[in-house]
Amino acid sequence: MLKDKTSSAIVAVDDLERARDFYTDTLGLELDGDDMDGVLSYKTGDTFLVVYQSGGVRPGTGNAVAWSAGDDVEAIAEALRAKGVTLEEYPDLGMDIDRGVHKADGFTGIWFKDPSGNILHVNSM
């Protein structure tokens, strides 16, 4: 039914202007056209990331958004650290971790949070 349909990530935030600064300035995403009242839409690769204002934000404990970055994960990690983003470390995953960069069996990944606490993930897959 949905296997040939495109999907998008949708993330709730508690402060839209703070989110706009983070997703636009820190992550370097570009807004896709005019934003609707309380909603920002970013084109990212072949998909969209929609960020919307919500008064009842309760970030989850899993990935809200994941990007596949191939061999660029470590460069992205360095660029994020240079912009003051703290990379999360998850030792329970059983991977080698160096300054927030997780590695195991050909996989490289990083996790970090947006200003509302949503977990964002970049990986080499």
N, C-alpha and C. Protein backbone atom coordinates (compact mmCIF):
# COMPACT_ATOMS: atom_id res chain seq x y z
N MET A 1 0.82 -1.20 0.00
CA MET A 1 0.00 0.00 0.00
C MET A 1 0.86 1.27 0.00
N LEU A 2 1.89 1.36 0.86
CA LEU A 2 2.69 2.58 0.95
C LEU A 2 4.12 2.41 0.47
N LYS A 3 4.50 1.23 0.01
CA LYS A 3 5.91 0.95 -0.30
C LYS A 3 6.51 1.86 -1.36
N ASP A 4 5.71 2.40 -2.26
CA ASP A 4 6.23 3.27 -3.31
C ASP A 4 5.97 4.75 -3.05
N LYS A 5 5.55 5.08 -1.84
CA LYS A 5 5.23 6.46 -1.50
C LYS A 5 6.38 7.09 -0.73
N THR A 6 6.58 8.38 -0.95
CA THR A 6 7.62 9.13 -0.25
C THR A 6 7.13 9.50 1.14
N SER A 7 8.02 9.42 2.11
CA SER A 7 7.67 9.82 3.48
C SER A 7 8.51 11.03 3.90
N SER A 8 8.06 11.68 4.95
CA SER A 8 8.76 12.84 5.49
C SER A 8 8.84 12.71 7.00
N ALA A 9 9.84 13.34 7.58
CA ALA A 9 9.94 13.41 9.03
C ALA A 9 9.20 14.64 9.52
N ILE A 10 8.49 14.50 10.63
CA ILE A 10 7.75 15.61 11.22
C ILE A 10 8.16 15.72 12.68
N VAL A 11 8.62 16.91 13.10
CA VAL A 11 9.16 17.10 14.43
C VAL A 11 8.42 18.24 15.13
N ALA A 12 7.95 17.98 16.33
CA ALA A 12 7.29 19.01 17.14
C ALA A 12 8.33 19.74 17.98
N VAL A 13 8.20 21.06 18.07
CA VAL A 13 9.11 21.89 18.87
C VAL A 13 8.30 22.83 19.75
N ASP A 14 8.90 23.28 20.84
CA ASP A 14 8.19 24.18 21.74
C ASP A 14 8.45 25.65 21.44
N ASP A 15 9.46 25.96 20.63
CA ASP A 15 9.79 27.35 20.29
C ASP A 15 10.20 27.39 18.82
N LEU A 16 9.30 27.85 17.96
CA LEU A 16 9.53 27.80 16.52
C LEU A 16 10.70 28.67 16.07
N GLU A 17 10.88 29.83 16.67
CA GLU A 17 11.99 30.70 16.27
C GLU A 17 13.34 30.10 16.66
N ARG A 18 13.40 29.52 17.83
CA ARG A 18 14.64 28.85 18.25
C ARG A 18 14.91 27.65 17.34
N ALA A 19 13.87 26.93 16.97
CA ALA A 19 14.01 25.80 16.05
C ALA A 19 14.45 26.28 14.67
N ARG A 20 13.87 27.39 14.21
CA ARG A 20 14.27 27.94 12.90
C ARG A 20 15.77 28.26 12.90
N ASP A 21 16.25 28.90 13.96
CA ASP A 21 17.68 29.21 14.06
C ASP A 21 18.52 27.94 14.02
N PHE A 22 18.11 26.92 14.77
CA PHE A 22 18.87 25.68 14.84
C PHE A 22 18.88 24.95 13.49
N TYR A 23 17.71 24.71 12.95
CA TYR A 23 17.63 23.93 11.70
C TYR A 23 18.18 24.69 10.51
N THR A 24 18.04 26.02 10.49
CA THR A 24 18.53 26.81 9.37
C THR A 24 20.00 27.17 9.54
N ASP A 25 20.34 27.78 10.67
CA ASP A 25 21.72 28.28 10.85
C ASP A 25 22.69 27.19 11.29
N THR A 26 22.30 26.39 12.27
CA THR A 26 23.22 25.37 12.79
C THR A 26 23.35 24.19 11.84
N LEU A 27 22.21 23.67 11.36
CA LEU A 27 22.26 22.50 10.48
C LEU A 27 22.41 22.86 9.00
N GLY A 28 22.18 24.12 8.66
CA GLY A 28 22.37 24.55 7.28
C GLY A 28 21.25 24.15 6.33
N LEU A 29 20.07 23.81 6.86
CA LEU A 29 18.96 23.45 6.00
C LEU A 29 18.30 24.70 5.44
N GLU A 30 17.72 24.58 4.25
CA GLU A 30 17.04 25.70 3.62
C GLU A 30 15.54 25.49 3.67
N LEU A 31 14.82 26.55 4.04
CA LEU A 31 13.37 26.48 4.04
C LEU A 31 12.88 26.22 2.63
N ASP A 32 11.86 25.40 2.52
CA ASP A 32 11.28 25.06 1.22
C ASP A 32 10.05 25.94 1.00
N GLY A 33 10.25 27.10 0.39
CA GLY A 33 9.14 27.99 0.10
C GLY A 33 8.66 28.73 1.33
N ASP A 34 7.45 29.24 1.24
CA ASP A 34 6.85 29.99 2.33
C ASP A 34 6.44 29.06 3.45
N ASP A 35 6.73 29.47 4.67
CA ASP A 35 6.31 28.65 5.80
C ASP A 35 4.89 29.02 6.21
N MET A 36 4.13 28.00 6.57
CA MET A 36 2.77 28.22 7.05
C MET A 36 2.86 28.69 8.50
N ASP A 37 1.79 29.23 9.01
CA ASP A 37 1.76 29.69 10.38
C ASP A 37 2.08 28.54 11.33
N GLY A 38 3.19 28.64 12.05
CA GLY A 38 3.56 27.63 13.02
C GLY A 38 4.20 26.39 12.44
N VAL A 39 4.55 26.40 11.13
CA VAL A 39 5.13 25.22 10.48
C VAL A 39 6.29 25.65 9.58
N LEU A 40 7.41 24.96 9.69
CA LEU A 40 8.56 25.17 8.82
C LEU A 40 8.76 23.90 8.00
N SER A 41 9.04 24.04 6.72
CA SER A 41 9.28 22.88 5.87
C SER A 41 10.65 23.03 5.23
N TYR A 42 11.49 22.02 5.41
CA TYR A 42 12.84 22.01 4.86
C TYR A 42 12.97 20.86 3.87
N LYS A 43 13.58 21.11 2.72
CA LYS A 43 13.92 20.05 1.78
C LYS A 43 15.27 19.51 2.22
N THR A 44 15.37 18.20 2.36
CA THR A 44 16.61 17.58 2.78
C THR A 44 16.79 16.31 1.95
N GLY A 45 17.71 16.36 0.98
CA GLY A 45 17.85 15.24 0.05
C GLY A 45 16.60 15.15 -0.82
N ASP A 46 16.03 13.95 -0.92
CA ASP A 46 14.82 13.75 -1.70
C ASP A 46 13.56 13.79 -0.84
N THR A 47 13.69 14.20 0.40
CA THR A 47 12.55 14.19 1.32
C THR A 47 12.37 15.56 1.95
N PHE A 48 11.43 15.63 2.88
CA PHE A 48 11.17 16.87 3.59
C PHE A 48 11.24 16.64 5.09
N LEU A 49 11.65 17.67 5.79
CA LEU A 49 11.62 17.69 7.24
C LEU A 49 10.67 18.82 7.63
N VAL A 50 9.60 18.47 8.29
CA VAL A 50 8.60 19.46 8.71
C VAL A 50 8.76 19.67 10.21
N VAL A 51 8.88 20.93 10.62
CA VAL A 51 9.04 21.30 12.02
C VAL A 51 7.83 22.17 12.37
N TYR A 52 7.12 21.79 13.43
CA TYR A 52 5.93 22.57 13.77
C TYR A 52 5.88 22.91 15.25
N GLN A 53 5.23 24.03 15.53
CA GLN A 53 5.07 24.53 16.89
C GLN A 53 4.01 23.70 17.61
N SER A 54 4.34 23.25 18.82
CA SER A 54 3.39 22.50 19.63
C SER A 54 3.59 22.87 21.09
N GLY A 55 2.50 23.16 21.76
CA GLY A 55 2.58 23.53 23.17
C GLY A 55 2.85 22.35 24.08
N GLY A 56 2.60 21.14 23.62
CA GLY A 56 2.76 19.96 24.47
C GLY A 56 3.89 19.06 24.04
N VAL A 57 5.04 19.64 23.70
CA VAL A 57 6.17 18.85 23.23
C VAL A 57 6.69 17.94 24.33
N ARG A 58 6.82 16.66 24.00
CA ARG A 58 7.44 15.67 24.87
C ARG A 58 8.36 14.84 23.99
N PRO A 59 9.63 15.23 23.90
CA PRO A 59 10.55 14.51 23.03
C PRO A 59 10.59 13.02 23.37
N GLY A 60 10.72 12.21 22.33
CA GLY A 60 10.82 10.77 22.52
C GLY A 60 12.22 10.35 22.93
N THR A 61 12.39 9.08 23.13
CA THR A 61 13.70 8.54 23.51
C THR A 61 14.41 7.89 22.33
N GLY A 62 13.80 7.96 21.16
CA GLY A 62 14.40 7.40 19.95
C GLY A 62 14.64 8.50 18.93
N ASN A 63 15.16 8.11 17.79
CA ASN A 63 15.47 9.06 16.73
C ASN A 63 14.20 9.72 16.20
N ALA A 64 14.20 11.04 16.13
CA ALA A 64 13.10 11.76 15.50
C ALA A 64 13.37 11.93 14.01
N VAL A 65 14.65 12.14 13.66
CA VAL A 65 15.07 12.31 12.28
C VAL A 65 16.40 11.59 12.11
N ALA A 66 16.59 10.94 10.96
CA ALA A 66 17.86 10.29 10.65
C ALA A 66 18.27 10.67 9.23
N TRP A 67 19.54 11.00 9.08
CA TRP A 67 20.10 11.29 7.77
C TRP A 67 21.15 10.25 7.43
N SER A 68 21.18 9.81 6.19
CA SER A 68 22.25 8.94 5.68
C SER A 68 23.28 9.86 5.04
N ALA A 69 24.51 9.79 5.53
CA ALA A 69 25.54 10.74 5.09
C ALA A 69 26.77 10.07 4.49
N GLY A 70 26.74 8.75 4.33
CA GLY A 70 27.89 8.07 3.74
C GLY A 70 29.16 8.33 4.54
N ASP A 71 30.22 8.71 3.84
CA ASP A 71 31.53 8.93 4.47
C ASP A 71 31.66 10.30 5.14
N ASP A 72 30.61 11.10 5.15
CA ASP A 72 30.69 12.47 5.67
C ASP A 72 30.39 12.60 7.16
N VAL A 73 30.10 11.51 7.86
CA VAL A 73 29.64 11.59 9.24
C VAL A 73 30.65 12.31 10.13
N GLU A 74 31.92 11.96 10.04
CA GLU A 74 32.91 12.59 10.92
C GLU A 74 33.09 14.08 10.62
N ALA A 75 33.02 14.47 9.36
CA ALA A 75 33.11 15.88 9.00
C ALA A 75 31.88 16.64 9.53
N ILE A 76 30.72 16.01 9.45
CA ILE A 76 29.51 16.63 9.97
C ILE A 76 29.61 16.77 11.48
N ALA A 77 30.13 15.74 12.14
CA ALA A 77 30.31 15.80 13.59
C ALA A 77 31.21 16.97 13.97
N GLU A 78 32.29 17.14 13.26
CA GLU A 78 33.22 18.24 13.55
C GLU A 78 32.55 19.59 13.32
N ALA A 79 31.80 19.71 12.23
CA ALA A 79 31.11 20.97 11.93
C ALA A 79 30.07 21.28 13.01
N LEU A 80 29.35 20.27 13.47
CA LEU A 80 28.36 20.49 14.53
C LEU A 80 29.03 20.90 15.83
N ARG A 81 30.11 20.22 16.21
CA ARG A 81 30.84 20.59 17.43
C ARG A 81 31.34 22.03 17.33
N ALA A 82 31.80 22.44 16.14
CA ALA A 82 32.30 23.81 15.94
C ALA A 82 31.18 24.84 16.13
N LYS A 83 29.94 24.42 15.93
CA LYS A 83 28.79 25.32 16.11
C LYS A 83 28.19 25.20 17.50
N GLY A 84 28.88 24.46 18.39
CA GLY A 84 28.44 24.36 19.77
C GLY A 84 27.44 23.24 20.05
N VAL A 85 27.22 22.36 19.10
CA VAL A 85 26.29 21.25 19.30
C VAL A 85 26.99 20.14 20.08
N THR A 86 26.34 19.65 21.11
CA THR A 86 26.87 18.54 21.90
C THR A 86 26.42 17.23 21.28
N LEU A 87 27.37 16.36 20.98
CA LEU A 87 27.04 15.04 20.47
C LEU A 87 26.75 14.12 21.65
N GLU A 88 25.69 13.35 21.52
CA GLU A 88 25.30 12.42 22.56
C GLU A 88 26.19 11.17 22.49
N GLU A 89 26.35 10.51 23.62
CA GLU A 89 27.10 9.26 23.66
C GLU A 89 26.23 8.18 24.28
N TYR A 90 26.16 7.04 23.59
CA TYR A 90 25.32 5.92 24.02
C TYR A 90 26.18 4.67 24.17
N PRO A 91 26.89 4.53 25.31
CA PRO A 91 27.77 3.38 25.50
C PRO A 91 27.02 2.04 25.52
N ASP A 92 25.74 2.07 25.85
CA ASP A 92 24.96 0.83 25.89
C ASP A 92 24.81 0.20 24.50
N LEU A 93 25.09 0.95 23.45
CA LEU A 93 25.00 0.39 22.09
C LEU A 93 26.17 -0.55 21.78
N GLY A 94 27.20 -0.53 22.63
CA GLY A 94 28.33 -1.45 22.45
C GLY A 94 29.26 -1.07 21.32
N MET A 95 29.29 0.18 20.95
CA MET A 95 30.17 0.65 19.88
C MET A 95 31.36 1.39 20.46
N ASP A 96 32.41 1.52 19.66
CA ASP A 96 33.52 2.38 20.03
C ASP A 96 33.05 3.82 19.88
N ILE A 97 33.37 4.67 20.86
CA ILE A 97 32.94 6.07 20.83
C ILE A 97 34.15 6.97 21.01
N ASP A 98 34.28 7.93 20.10
CA ASP A 98 35.34 8.93 20.19
C ASP A 98 34.72 10.30 19.98
N ARG A 99 34.63 11.11 21.05
CA ARG A 99 34.06 12.45 21.00
C ARG A 99 32.68 12.46 20.36
N GLY A 100 31.86 11.47 20.70
CA GLY A 100 30.48 11.41 20.23
C GLY A 100 30.28 10.67 18.93
N VAL A 101 31.35 10.26 18.27
CA VAL A 101 31.24 9.49 17.03
C VAL A 101 31.28 8.01 17.38
N HIS A 102 30.20 7.31 17.06
CA HIS A 102 30.06 5.88 17.35
C HIS A 102 30.47 5.07 16.13
N LYS A 103 31.26 3.99 16.36
CA LYS A 103 31.71 3.15 15.25
C LYS A 103 31.61 1.68 15.63
N ALA A 104 31.17 0.87 14.65
CA ALA A 104 31.14 -0.58 14.81
C ALA A 104 30.85 -1.23 13.46
N ASP A 105 31.66 -2.19 13.09
CA ASP A 105 31.41 -3.03 11.90
C ASP A 105 31.05 -2.23 10.65
N GLY A 106 31.83 -1.21 10.32
CA GLY A 106 31.59 -0.43 9.12
C GLY A 106 30.53 0.66 9.27
N PHE A 107 29.92 0.76 10.44
CA PHE A 107 28.91 1.77 10.73
C PHE A 107 29.57 2.93 11.47
N THR A 108 29.23 4.14 11.09
CA THR A 108 29.63 5.34 11.82
C THR A 108 28.37 6.17 12.03
N GLY A 109 28.17 6.66 13.25
CA GLY A 109 26.97 7.44 13.51
C GLY A 109 27.15 8.44 14.63
N ILE A 110 26.34 9.49 14.57
CA ILE A 110 26.30 10.48 15.64
C ILE A 110 24.84 10.76 15.99
N TRP A 111 24.65 11.18 17.21
CA TRP A 111 23.34 11.59 17.70
C TRP A 111 23.50 12.93 18.40
N PHE A 112 22.51 13.79 18.25
CA PHE A 112 22.50 15.09 18.93
C PHE A 112 21.04 15.51 19.06
N LYS A 113 20.81 16.54 19.87
CA LYS A 113 19.43 16.98 20.12
C LYS A 113 19.20 18.38 19.59
N ASP A 114 17.97 18.62 19.15
CA ASP A 114 17.58 19.98 18.78
C ASP A 114 17.23 20.74 20.06
N PRO A 115 16.95 22.03 20.00
CA PRO A 115 16.67 22.80 21.22
C PRO A 115 15.46 22.33 22.01
N SER A 116 14.56 21.56 21.39
CA SER A 116 13.39 21.03 22.10
C SER A 116 13.64 19.65 22.65
N GLY A 117 14.84 19.08 22.42
CA GLY A 117 15.18 17.77 22.95
C GLY A 117 14.92 16.61 22.01
N ASN A 118 14.50 16.88 20.76
CA ASN A 118 14.31 15.80 19.80
C ASN A 118 15.66 15.22 19.41
N ILE A 119 15.76 13.91 19.33
CA ILE A 119 17.02 13.25 19.00
C ILE A 119 17.17 13.17 17.47
N LEU A 120 18.28 13.71 16.97
CA LEU A 120 18.60 13.70 15.56
C LEU A 120 19.81 12.80 15.34
N HIS A 121 19.83 12.10 14.22
CA HIS A 121 20.85 11.07 13.99
C HIS A 121 21.40 11.19 12.57
N VAL A 122 22.71 11.07 12.45
CA VAL A 122 23.38 11.03 11.17
C VAL A 122 24.21 9.76 11.14
N ASN A 123 24.10 8.98 10.05
CA ASN A 123 24.85 7.73 9.97
C ASN A 123 25.45 7.52 8.59
N SER A 124 26.31 6.53 8.51
CA SER A 124 27.04 6.24 7.29
C SER A 124 26.28 5.30 6.35
N MET A 125 25.15 4.85 6.75
CA MET A 125 24.41 3.87 5.93
C MET A 125 23.62 4.54 4.82
